[in-house]
Amino acid sequence: MQNQLILLGTQGCHLCEQAEHILQTLDVTYQYLDIMDNEKLLALYEIHIPVLLESMASEKGLYWPFDADMVSAWLKQ
Protein backbone atom coordinates (compact mmCIF):
# COMPACT_ATOMS: atom_id res chain seq x y z
CA MET A 1 0.00 0.00 0.00
CA GLN A 2 1.74 3.22 1.16
CA ASN A 3 5.34 3.28 2.35
CA GLN A 4 5.30 5.47 5.48
CA LEU A 5 1.91 6.04 6.97
CA ILE A 6 1.77 7.77 10.31
CA LEU A 7 -0.85 7.23 12.98
CA LEU A 8 -1.12 10.13 15.40
CA GLY A 9 -2.47 9.34 18.83
CA THR A 10 -1.53 9.20 22.50
CA GLN A 11 -1.29 6.69 25.32
CA GLY A 12 -4.52 5.77 27.01
CA CYS A 13 -6.65 6.74 24.01
CA HIS A 14 -9.07 3.89 23.35
CA LEU A 15 -9.94 5.29 19.92
CA CYS A 16 -6.23 5.27 19.02
CA GLU A 17 -6.06 1.63 20.09
CA GLN A 18 -9.02 0.88 17.82
CA ALA A 19 -7.31 2.68 14.93
CA GLU A 20 -4.13 0.63 15.50
CA HIS A 21 -6.18 -2.55 15.47
CA ILE A 22 -7.72 -1.57 12.12
CA LEU A 23 -4.27 -0.95 10.60
CA GLN A 24 -2.93 -4.21 11.97
CA THR A 25 -5.95 -6.09 10.62
CA LEU A 26 -5.26 -4.60 7.18
CA ASP A 27 -1.55 -5.48 7.53
CA VAL A 28 -0.63 -1.85 6.90
CA THR A 29 2.87 -0.67 7.80
CA TYR A 30 2.72 2.51 9.84
CA GLN A 31 4.63 4.59 12.36
CA TYR A 32 2.87 5.57 15.59
CA LEU A 33 3.58 9.08 16.86
CA ASP A 34 2.41 10.21 20.26
CA ILE A 35 1.26 13.82 19.93
CA MET A 36 2.15 14.46 23.57
CA ASP A 37 5.83 14.27 22.57
CA ASN A 38 5.56 17.15 20.10
CA GLU A 39 4.04 20.56 20.90
CA LYS A 40 3.24 21.30 17.25
CA LEU A 41 1.43 17.99 16.75
CA LEU A 42 -0.39 18.47 20.05
CA ALA A 43 -1.60 21.92 18.98
CA LEU A 44 -2.73 20.68 15.56
CA TYR A 45 -4.33 17.36 16.46
CA GLU A 46 -5.20 17.40 20.18
CA ILE A 47 -8.95 17.15 19.66
CA HIS A 48 -8.77 15.11 16.44
CA ILE A 49 -6.85 11.94 17.31
CA PRO A 50 -6.55 9.36 16.03
CA VAL A 51 -5.45 10.71 12.66
CA LEU A 52 -3.82 8.74 9.87
CA LEU A 53 -1.41 10.72 7.66
CA GLU A 54 0.25 9.78 4.38
CA SER A 55 3.47 11.30 5.72
CA MET A 56 4.55 14.18 7.91
CA ALA A 57 5.03 16.28 4.77
CA SER A 58 1.53 15.58 3.50
CA GLU A 59 -1.66 17.36 4.41
CA LYS A 60 -3.69 14.34 3.32
CA GLY A 61 -5.18 12.88 6.47
CA LEU A 62 -7.91 10.48 7.50
CA TYR A 63 -9.61 11.63 10.69
CA TRP A 64 -11.48 9.45 13.14
CA PRO A 65 -13.98 7.86 12.92
CA PHE A 66 -12.82 5.40 10.28
CA ASP A 67 -13.09 1.68 9.69
CA ALA A 68 -11.15 -0.84 7.60
CA ASP A 69 -13.15 -0.13 4.42
CA MET A 70 -12.59 3.61 4.77
CA VAL A 71 -8.84 3.15 5.33
CA SER A 72 -8.57 0.89 2.28
CA ALA A 73 -10.43 3.38 0.09
CA TRP A 74 -8.35 6.29 1.45
CA LEU A 75 -5.11 4.46 0.69
CA LYS A 76 -6.19 3.89 -2.92
CA GLN A 77 -6.83 7.61 -3.55
PDB file of N, CA and C in Angstrom:
ATOM      1  N   MET A   1       0.845  -1.177   0.000  1.00  0.00           N
ATOM      2  CA  MET A   1       0.000   0.000   0.000  1.00  0.00           C
ATOM      3  C   MET A   1       0.900   1.253   0.000  1.00  0.00           C
ATOM      4  N   GLN A   2       0.888   2.038   1.063  1.00  0.00           N
ATOM      5  CA  GLN A   2       1.743   3.216   1.159  1.00  0.00           C
ATOM      6  C   GLN A   2       3.026   2.833   1.867  1.00  0.00           C
ATOM      7  N   ASN A   3       4.078   3.661   1.744  1.00  0.00           N
ATOM      8  CA  ASN A   3       5.339   3.282   2.348  1.00  0.00           C
ATOM      9  C   ASN A   3       5.554   3.809   3.757  1.00  0.00           C
ATOM     10  N   GLN A   4       5.058   4.966   4.128  1.00  0.00           N
ATOM     11  CA  GLN A   4       5.303   5.469   5.475  1.00  0.00           C
ATOM     12  C   GLN A   4       4.089   6.201   6.026  1.00  0.00           C
ATOM     13  N   LEU A   5       3.090   5.455   6.334  1.00  0.00           N
ATOM     14  CA  LEU A   5       1.912   6.036   6.966  1.00  0.00           C
ATOM     15  C   LEU A   5       2.223   6.349   8.418  1.00  0.00           C
ATOM     16  N   ILE A   6       1.564   7.358   8.927  1.00  0.00           N
ATOM     17  CA  ILE A   6       1.767   7.770  10.306  1.00  0.00           C
ATOM     18  C   ILE A   6       0.414   7.819  11.004  1.00  0.00           C
ATOM     19  N   LEU A   7       0.345   7.173  12.144  1.00  0.00           N
ATOM     20  CA  LEU A   7      -0.846   7.228  12.979  1.00  0.00           C
ATOM     21  C   LEU A   7      -0.528   8.124  14.163  1.00  0.00           C
ATOM     22  N   LEU A   8      -1.283   9.200  14.280  1.00  0.00           N
ATOM     23  CA  LEU A   8      -1.122  10.126  15.396  1.00  0.00           C
ATOM     24  C   LEU A   8      -2.109   9.760  16.493  1.00  0.00           C
ATOM     25  N   GLY A   9      -1.611   9.679  17.708  1.00  0.00           N
ATOM     26  CA  GLY A   9      -2.467   9.344  18.833  1.00  0.00           C
ATOM     27  C   GLY A   9      -1.751   9.663  20.131  1.00  0.00           C
ATOM     28  N   THR A  10      -2.194   9.044  21.212  1.00  0.00           N
ATOM     29  CA  THR A  10      -1.529   9.199  22.502  1.00  0.00           C
ATOM     30  C   THR A  10      -1.872   8.003  23.384  1.00  0.00           C
ATOM     31  N   GLN A  11      -1.058   7.789  24.399  1.00  0.00           N
ATOM     32  CA  GLN A  11      -1.287   6.687  25.322  1.00  0.00           C
ATOM     33  C   GLN A  11      -2.613   6.859  26.045  1.00  0.00           C
ATOM     34  N   GLY A  12      -3.276   5.743  26.270  1.00  0.00           N
ATOM     35  CA  GLY A  12      -4.523   5.768  27.012  1.00  0.00           C
ATOM     36  C   GLY A  12      -5.738   6.158  26.193  1.00  0.00           C
ATOM     37  N   CYS A  13      -5.547   6.366  24.904  1.00  0.00           N
ATOM     38  CA  CYS A  13      -6.652   6.744  24.013  1.00  0.00           C
ATOM     39  C   CYS A  13      -7.254   5.471  23.411  1.00  0.00           C
ATOM     40  N   HIS A  14      -8.458   5.120  23.852  1.00  0.00           N
ATOM     41  CA  HIS A  14      -9.069   3.886  23.353  1.00  0.00           C
ATOM     42  C   HIS A  14      -9.393   3.966  21.865  1.00  0.00           C
ATOM     43  N   LEU A  15      -9.681   5.145  21.361  1.00  0.00           N
ATOM     44  CA  LEU A  15      -9.938   5.290  19.922  1.00  0.00           C
ATOM     45  C   LEU A  15      -8.657   5.055  19.134  1.00  0.00           C
ATOM     46  N   CYS A  16      -7.527   5.497  19.674  1.00  0.00           N
ATOM     47  CA  CYS A  16      -6.233   5.275  19.022  1.00  0.00           C
ATOM     48  C   CYS A  16      -5.913   3.780  18.981  1.00  0.00           C
ATOM     49  N   GLU A  17      -6.250   3.077  20.051  1.00  0.00           N
ATOM     50  CA  GLU A  17      -6.061   1.629  20.088  1.00  0.00           C
ATOM     51  C   GLU A  17      -6.924   0.949  19.030  1.00  0.00           C
ATOM     52  N   GLN A  18      -8.143   1.430  18.849  1.00  0.00           N
ATOM     53  CA  GLN A  18      -9.019   0.880  17.816  1.00  0.00           C
ATOM     54  C   GLN A  18      -8.440   1.141  16.427  1.00  0.00           C
ATOM     55  N   ALA A  19      -7.910   2.340  16.224  1.00  0.00           N
ATOM     56  CA  ALA A  19      -7.307   2.679  14.934  1.00  0.00           C
ATOM     57  C   ALA A  19      -6.103   1.780  14.656  1.00  0.00           C
ATOM     58  N   GLU A  20      -5.279   1.531  15.668  1.00  0.00           N
ATOM     59  CA  GLU A  20      -4.131   0.633  15.496  1.00  0.00           C
ATOM     60  C   GLU A  20      -4.595  -0.769  15.124  1.00  0.00           C
ATOM     61  N   HIS A  21      -5.640  -1.216  15.773  1.00  0.00           N
ATOM     62  CA  HIS A  21      -6.176  -2.551  15.472  1.00  0.00           C
ATOM     63  C   HIS A  21      -6.634  -2.640  14.005  1.00  0.00           C
ATOM     64  N   ILE A  22      -7.274  -1.603  13.521  1.00  0.00           N
ATOM     65  CA  ILE A  22      -7.715  -1.567  12.118  1.00  0.00           C
ATOM     66  C   ILE A  22      -6.509  -1.688  11.193  1.00  0.00           C
ATOM     67  N   LEU A  23      -5.465  -0.909  11.449  1.00  0.00           N
ATOM     68  CA  LEU A  23      -4.273  -0.947  10.597  1.00  0.00           C
ATOM     69  C   LEU A  23      -3.589  -2.302  10.658  1.00  0.00           C
ATOM     70  N   GLN A  24      -3.537  -2.898  11.830  1.00  0.00           N
ATOM     71  CA  GLN A  24      -2.932  -4.214  11.969  1.00  0.00           C
ATOM     72  C   GLN A  24      -3.758  -5.274  11.244  1.00  0.00           C
ATOM     73  N   THR A  25      -5.061  -5.165  11.317  1.00  0.00           N
ATOM     74  CA  THR A  25      -5.948  -6.095  10.616  1.00  0.00           C
ATOM     75  C   THR A  25      -5.734  -6.017   9.101  1.00  0.00           C
ATOM     76  N   LEU A  26      -5.498  -4.798   8.612  1.00  0.00           N
ATOM     77  CA  LEU A  26      -5.256  -4.595   7.181  1.00  0.00           C
ATOM     78  C   LEU A  26      -3.813  -4.901   6.786  1.00  0.00           C
ATOM     79  N   ASP A  27      -2.979  -5.213   7.752  1.00  0.00           N
ATOM     80  CA  ASP A  27      -1.554  -5.481   7.532  1.00  0.00           C
ATOM     81  C   ASP A  27      -0.864  -4.287   6.877  1.00  0.00           C
ATOM     82  N   VAL A  28      -1.186  -3.105   7.398  1.00  0.00           N
ATOM     83  CA  VAL A  28      -0.629  -1.848   6.897  1.00  0.00           C
ATOM     84  C   VAL A  28       0.586  -1.483   7.755  1.00  0.00           C
ATOM     85  N   THR A  29       1.681  -1.133   7.092  1.00  0.00           N
ATOM     86  CA  THR A  29       2.868  -0.665   7.800  1.00  0.00           C
ATOM     87  C   THR A  29       2.666   0.806   8.150  1.00  0.00           C
ATOM     88  N   TYR A  30       2.919   1.132   9.405  1.00  0.00           N
ATOM     89  CA  TYR A  30       2.725   2.513   9.840  1.00  0.00           C
ATOM     90  C   TYR A  30       3.674   2.826  10.986  1.00  0.00           C
ATOM     91  N   GLN A  31       3.868   4.105  11.212  1.00  0.00           N
ATOM     92  CA  GLN A  31       4.632   4.588  12.358  1.00  0.00           C
ATOM     93  C   GLN A  31       3.641   5.256  13.301  1.00  0.00           C
ATOM     94  N   TYR A  32       3.741   4.959  14.585  1.00  0.00           N
ATOM     95  CA  TYR A  32       2.868   5.569  15.585  1.00  0.00           C
ATOM     96  C   TYR A  32       3.604   6.740  16.221  1.00  0.00           C
ATOM     97  N   LEU A  33       3.001   7.912  16.200  1.00  0.00           N
ATOM     98  CA  LEU A  33       3.576   9.080  16.859  1.00  0.00           C
ATOM     99  C   LEU A  33       2.625   9.553  17.946  1.00  0.00           C
ATOM    100  N   ASP A  34       3.179   9.702  19.136  1.00  0.00           N
ATOM    101  CA  ASP A  34       2.406  10.214  20.265  1.00  0.00           C
ATOM    102  C   ASP A  34       2.452  11.737  20.219  1.00  0.00           C
ATOM    103  N   ILE A  35       1.303  12.362  20.061  1.00  0.00           N
ATOM    104  CA  ILE A  35       1.263  13.822  19.929  1.00  0.00           C
ATOM    105  C   ILE A  35       1.719  14.538  21.193  1.00  0.00           C
ATOM    106  N   MET A  36       1.715  13.840  22.316  1.00  0.00           N
ATOM    107  CA  MET A  36       2.152  14.459  23.572  1.00  0.00           C
ATOM    108  C   MET A  36       3.658  14.732  23.572  1.00  0.00           C
ATOM    109  N   ASP A  37       4.373  14.097  22.660  1.00  0.00           N
ATOM    110  CA  ASP A  37       5.826  14.266  22.566  1.00  0.00           C
ATOM    111  C   ASP A  37       6.228  15.419  21.655  1.00  0.00           C
ATOM    112  N   ASN A  38       5.251  16.114  21.067  1.00  0.00           N
ATOM    113  CA  ASN A  38       5.559  17.153  20.100  1.00  0.00           C
ATOM    114  C   ASN A  38       4.521  18.273  20.235  1.00  0.00           C
ATOM    115  N   GLU A  39       4.968  19.447  20.654  1.00  0.00           N
ATOM    116  CA  GLU A  39       4.044  20.561  20.897  1.00  0.00           C
ATOM    117  C   GLU A  39       3.262  20.960  19.648  1.00  0.00           C
ATOM    118  N   LYS A  40       3.912  20.926  18.495  1.00  0.00           N
ATOM    119  CA  LYS A  40       3.238  21.305  17.251  1.00  0.00           C
ATOM    120  C   LYS A  40       2.123  20.304  16.919  1.00  0.00           C
ATOM    121  N   LEU A  41       2.440  19.013  17.016  1.00  0.00           N
ATOM    122  CA  LEU A  41       1.425  17.995  16.747  1.00  0.00           C
ATOM    123  C   LEU A  41       0.292  18.079  17.755  1.00  0.00           C
ATOM    124  N   LEU A  42       0.630  18.332  19.010  1.00  0.00           N
ATOM    125  CA  LEU A  42      -0.394  18.469  20.045  1.00  0.00           C
ATOM    126  C   LEU A  42      -1.335  19.623  19.717  1.00  0.00           C
ATOM    127  N   ALA A  43      -0.774  20.753  19.313  1.00  0.00           N
ATOM    128  CA  ALA A  43      -1.601  21.918  18.984  1.00  0.00           C
ATOM    129  C   ALA A  43      -2.495  21.652  17.773  1.00  0.00           C
ATOM    130  N   LEU A  44      -1.974  20.923  16.790  1.00  0.00           N
ATOM    131  CA  LEU A  44      -2.731  20.681  15.561  1.00  0.00           C
ATOM    132  C   LEU A  44      -3.792  19.588  15.705  1.00  0.00           C
ATOM    133  N   TYR A  45      -3.498  18.554  16.494  1.00  0.00           N
ATOM    134  CA  TYR A  45      -4.335  17.357  16.464  1.00  0.00           C
ATOM    135  C   TYR A  45      -4.943  16.958  17.802  1.00  0.00           C
ATOM    136  N   GLU A  46      -4.768  17.764  18.830  1.00  0.00           N
ATOM    137  CA  GLU A  46      -5.195  17.398  20.182  1.00  0.00           C
ATOM    138  C   GLU A  46      -6.633  16.895  20.258  1.00  0.00           C
ATOM    139  N   ILE A  47      -7.537  17.552  19.575  1.00  0.00           N
ATOM    140  CA  ILE A  47      -8.950  17.145  19.664  1.00  0.00           C
ATOM    141  C   ILE A  47      -9.389  16.280  18.480  1.00  0.00           C
ATOM    142  N   HIS A  48      -8.427  15.864  17.649  1.00  0.00           N
ATOM    143  CA  HIS A  48      -8.774  15.112  16.443  1.00  0.00           C
ATOM    144  C   HIS A  48      -8.297  13.666  16.450  1.00  0.00           C
ATOM    145  N   ILE A  49      -7.439  13.279  17.377  1.00  0.00           N
ATOM    146  CA  ILE A  49      -6.847  11.940  17.314  1.00  0.00           C
ATOM    147  C   ILE A  49      -7.896  10.857  17.510  1.00  0.00           C
ATOM    148  N   PRO A  50      -7.670   9.731  16.884  1.00  0.00           N
ATOM    149  CA  PRO A  50      -6.550   9.363  16.032  1.00  0.00           C
ATOM    150  C   PRO A  50      -6.686   9.940  14.625  1.00  0.00           C
ATOM    151  N   VAL A  51      -5.530  10.200  14.031  1.00  0.00           N
ATOM    152  CA  VAL A  51      -5.452  10.709  12.664  1.00  0.00           C
ATOM    153  C   VAL A  51      -4.412   9.885  11.927  1.00  0.00           C
ATOM    154  N   LEU A  52      -4.743   9.477  10.722  1.00  0.00           N
ATOM    155  CA  LEU A  52      -3.823   8.745   9.865  1.00  0.00           C
ATOM    156  C   LEU A  52      -3.331   9.697   8.789  1.00  0.00           C
ATOM    157  N   LEU A  53      -2.012   9.834   8.658  1.00  0.00           N
ATOM    158  CA  LEU A  53      -1.414  10.719   7.660  1.00  0.00           C
ATOM    159  C   LEU A  53      -0.624   9.912   6.646  1.00  0.00           C
ATOM    160  N   GLU A  54      -0.586  10.407   5.402  1.00  0.00           N
ATOM    161  CA  GLU A  54       0.254   9.780   4.376  1.00  0.00           C
ATOM    162  C   GLU A  54       1.715   9.872   4.765  1.00  0.00           C
ATOM    163  N   SER A  55       2.116  11.033   5.265  1.00  0.00           N
ATOM    164  CA  SER A  55       3.474  11.299   5.719  1.00  0.00           C
ATOM    165  C   SER A  55       3.431  12.596   6.509  1.00  0.00           C
ATOM    166  N   MET A  56       4.525  12.927   7.162  1.00  0.00           N
ATOM    167  CA  MET A  56       4.553  14.183   7.914  1.00  0.00           C
ATOM    168  C   MET A  56       4.557  15.385   6.977  1.00  0.00           C
ATOM    169  N   ALA A  57       4.979  15.186   5.743  1.00  0.00           N
ATOM    170  CA  ALA A  57       5.029  16.284   4.771  1.00  0.00           C
ATOM    171  C   ALA A  57       3.696  16.475   4.052  1.00  0.00           C
ATOM    172  N   SER A  58       2.799  15.538   4.216  1.00  0.00           N
ATOM    173  CA  SER A  58       1.532  15.576   3.501  1.00  0.00           C
ATOM    174  C   SER A  58       0.426  16.174   4.361  1.00  0.00           C
ATOM    175  N   GLU A  59      -0.476  16.851   3.709  1.00  0.00           N
ATOM    176  CA  GLU A  59      -1.657  17.358   4.408  1.00  0.00           C
ATOM    177  C   GLU A  59      -2.834  16.407   4.263  1.00  0.00           C
ATOM    178  N   LYS A  60      -2.627  15.319   3.523  1.00  0.00           N
ATOM    179  CA  LYS A  60      -3.691  14.345   3.323  1.00  0.00           C
ATOM    180  C   LYS A  60      -3.830  13.494   4.578  1.00  0.00           C
ATOM    181  N   GLY A  61      -4.961  13.626   5.242  1.00  0.00           N
ATOM    182  CA  GLY A  61      -5.181  12.880   6.466  1.00  0.00           C
ATOM    183  C   GLY A  61      -6.553  12.239   6.508  1.00  0.00           C
ATOM    184  N   LEU A  62      -6.631  11.146   7.247  1.00  0.00           N
ATOM    185  CA  LEU A  62      -7.912  10.484   7.495  1.00  0.00           C
ATOM    186  C   LEU A  62      -8.195  10.619   8.992  1.00  0.00           C
ATOM    187  N   TYR A  63      -9.264  11.320   9.301  1.00  0.00           N
ATOM    188  CA  TYR A  63      -9.609  11.629  10.686  1.00  0.00           C
ATOM    189  C   TYR A  63     -10.632  10.630  11.211  1.00  0.00           C
ATOM    190  N   TRP A  64     -10.533  10.335  12.476  1.00  0.00           N
ATOM    191  CA  TRP A  64     -11.484   9.448  13.140  1.00  0.00           C
ATOM    192  C   TRP A  64     -12.865  10.070  13.109  1.00  0.00           C
ATOM    193  N   PRO A  65     -13.906   9.320  12.920  1.00  0.00           N
ATOM    194  CA  PRO A  65     -13.977   7.863  12.924  1.00  0.00           C
ATOM    195  C   PRO A  65     -13.721   7.276  11.537  1.00  0.00           C
ATOM    196  N   PHE A  66     -13.021   6.146  11.509  1.00  0.00           N
ATOM    197  CA  PHE A  66     -12.825   5.400  10.276  1.00  0.00           C
ATOM    198  C   PHE A  66     -12.822   3.909  10.587  1.00  0.00           C
ATOM    199  N   ASP A  67     -13.111   3.130   9.552  1.00  0.00           N
ATOM    200  CA  ASP A  67     -13.095   1.677   9.690  1.00  0.00           C
ATOM    201  C   ASP A  67     -12.176   1.116   8.607  1.00  0.00           C
ATOM    202  N   ALA A  68     -12.066  -0.198   8.534  1.00  0.00           N
ATOM    203  CA  ALA A  68     -11.152  -0.844   7.597  1.00  0.00           C
ATOM    204  C   ALA A  68     -11.482  -0.486   6.148  1.00  0.00           C
ATOM    205  N   ASP A  69     -12.753  -0.461   5.794  1.00  0.00           N
ATOM    206  CA  ASP A  69     -13.146  -0.129   4.425  1.00  0.00           C
ATOM    207  C   ASP A  69     -12.760   1.309   4.073  1.00  0.00           C
ATOM    208  N   MET A  70     -12.942   2.208   5.016  1.00  0.00           N
ATOM    209  CA  MET A  70     -12.591   3.610   4.773  1.00  0.00           C
ATOM    210  C   MET A  70     -11.075   3.782   4.622  1.00  0.00           C
ATOM    211  N   VAL A  71     -10.301   3.073   5.434  1.00  0.00           N
ATOM    212  CA  VAL A  71      -8.841   3.149   5.327  1.00  0.00           C
ATOM    213  C   VAL A  71      -8.392   2.609   3.981  1.00  0.00           C
ATOM    214  N   SER A  72      -8.934   1.476   3.575  1.00  0.00           N
ATOM    215  CA  SER A  72      -8.571   0.886   2.277  1.00  0.00           C
ATOM    216  C   SER A  72      -8.876   1.841   1.129  1.00  0.00           C
ATOM    217  N   ALA A  73     -10.046   2.440   1.154  1.00  0.00           N
ATOM    218  CA  ALA A  73     -10.425   3.379   0.093  1.00  0.00           C
ATOM    219  C   ALA A  73      -9.532   4.614   0.126  1.00  0.00           C
ATOM    220  N   TRP A  74      -9.219   5.113   1.293  1.00  0.00           N
ATOM    221  CA  TRP A  74      -8.349   6.293   1.449  1.00  0.00           C
ATOM    222  C   TRP A  74      -6.956   6.004   0.909  1.00  0.00           C
ATOM    223  N   LEU A  75      -6.449   4.807   1.157  1.00  0.00           N
ATOM    224  CA  LEU A  75      -5.107   4.462   0.685  1.00  0.00           C
ATOM    225  C   LEU A  75      -5.039   4.339  -0.836  1.00  0.00           C
ATOM    226  N   LYS A  76      -6.160   4.042  -1.463  1.00  0.00           N
ATOM    227  CA  LYS A  76      -6.187   3.892  -2.919  1.00  0.00           C
ATOM    228  C   LYS A  76      -6.315   5.230  -3.650  1.00  0.00           C
ATOM    229  N   GLN A  77      -6.637   6.293  -2.930  1.00  0.00           N
ATOM    230  CA  GLN A  77      -6.832   7.610  -3.551  1.00  0.00           C
ATOM    231  C   GLN A  77      -5.514   8.159  -4.071  1.00  0.00           C
TER     232      GLN A  77
END
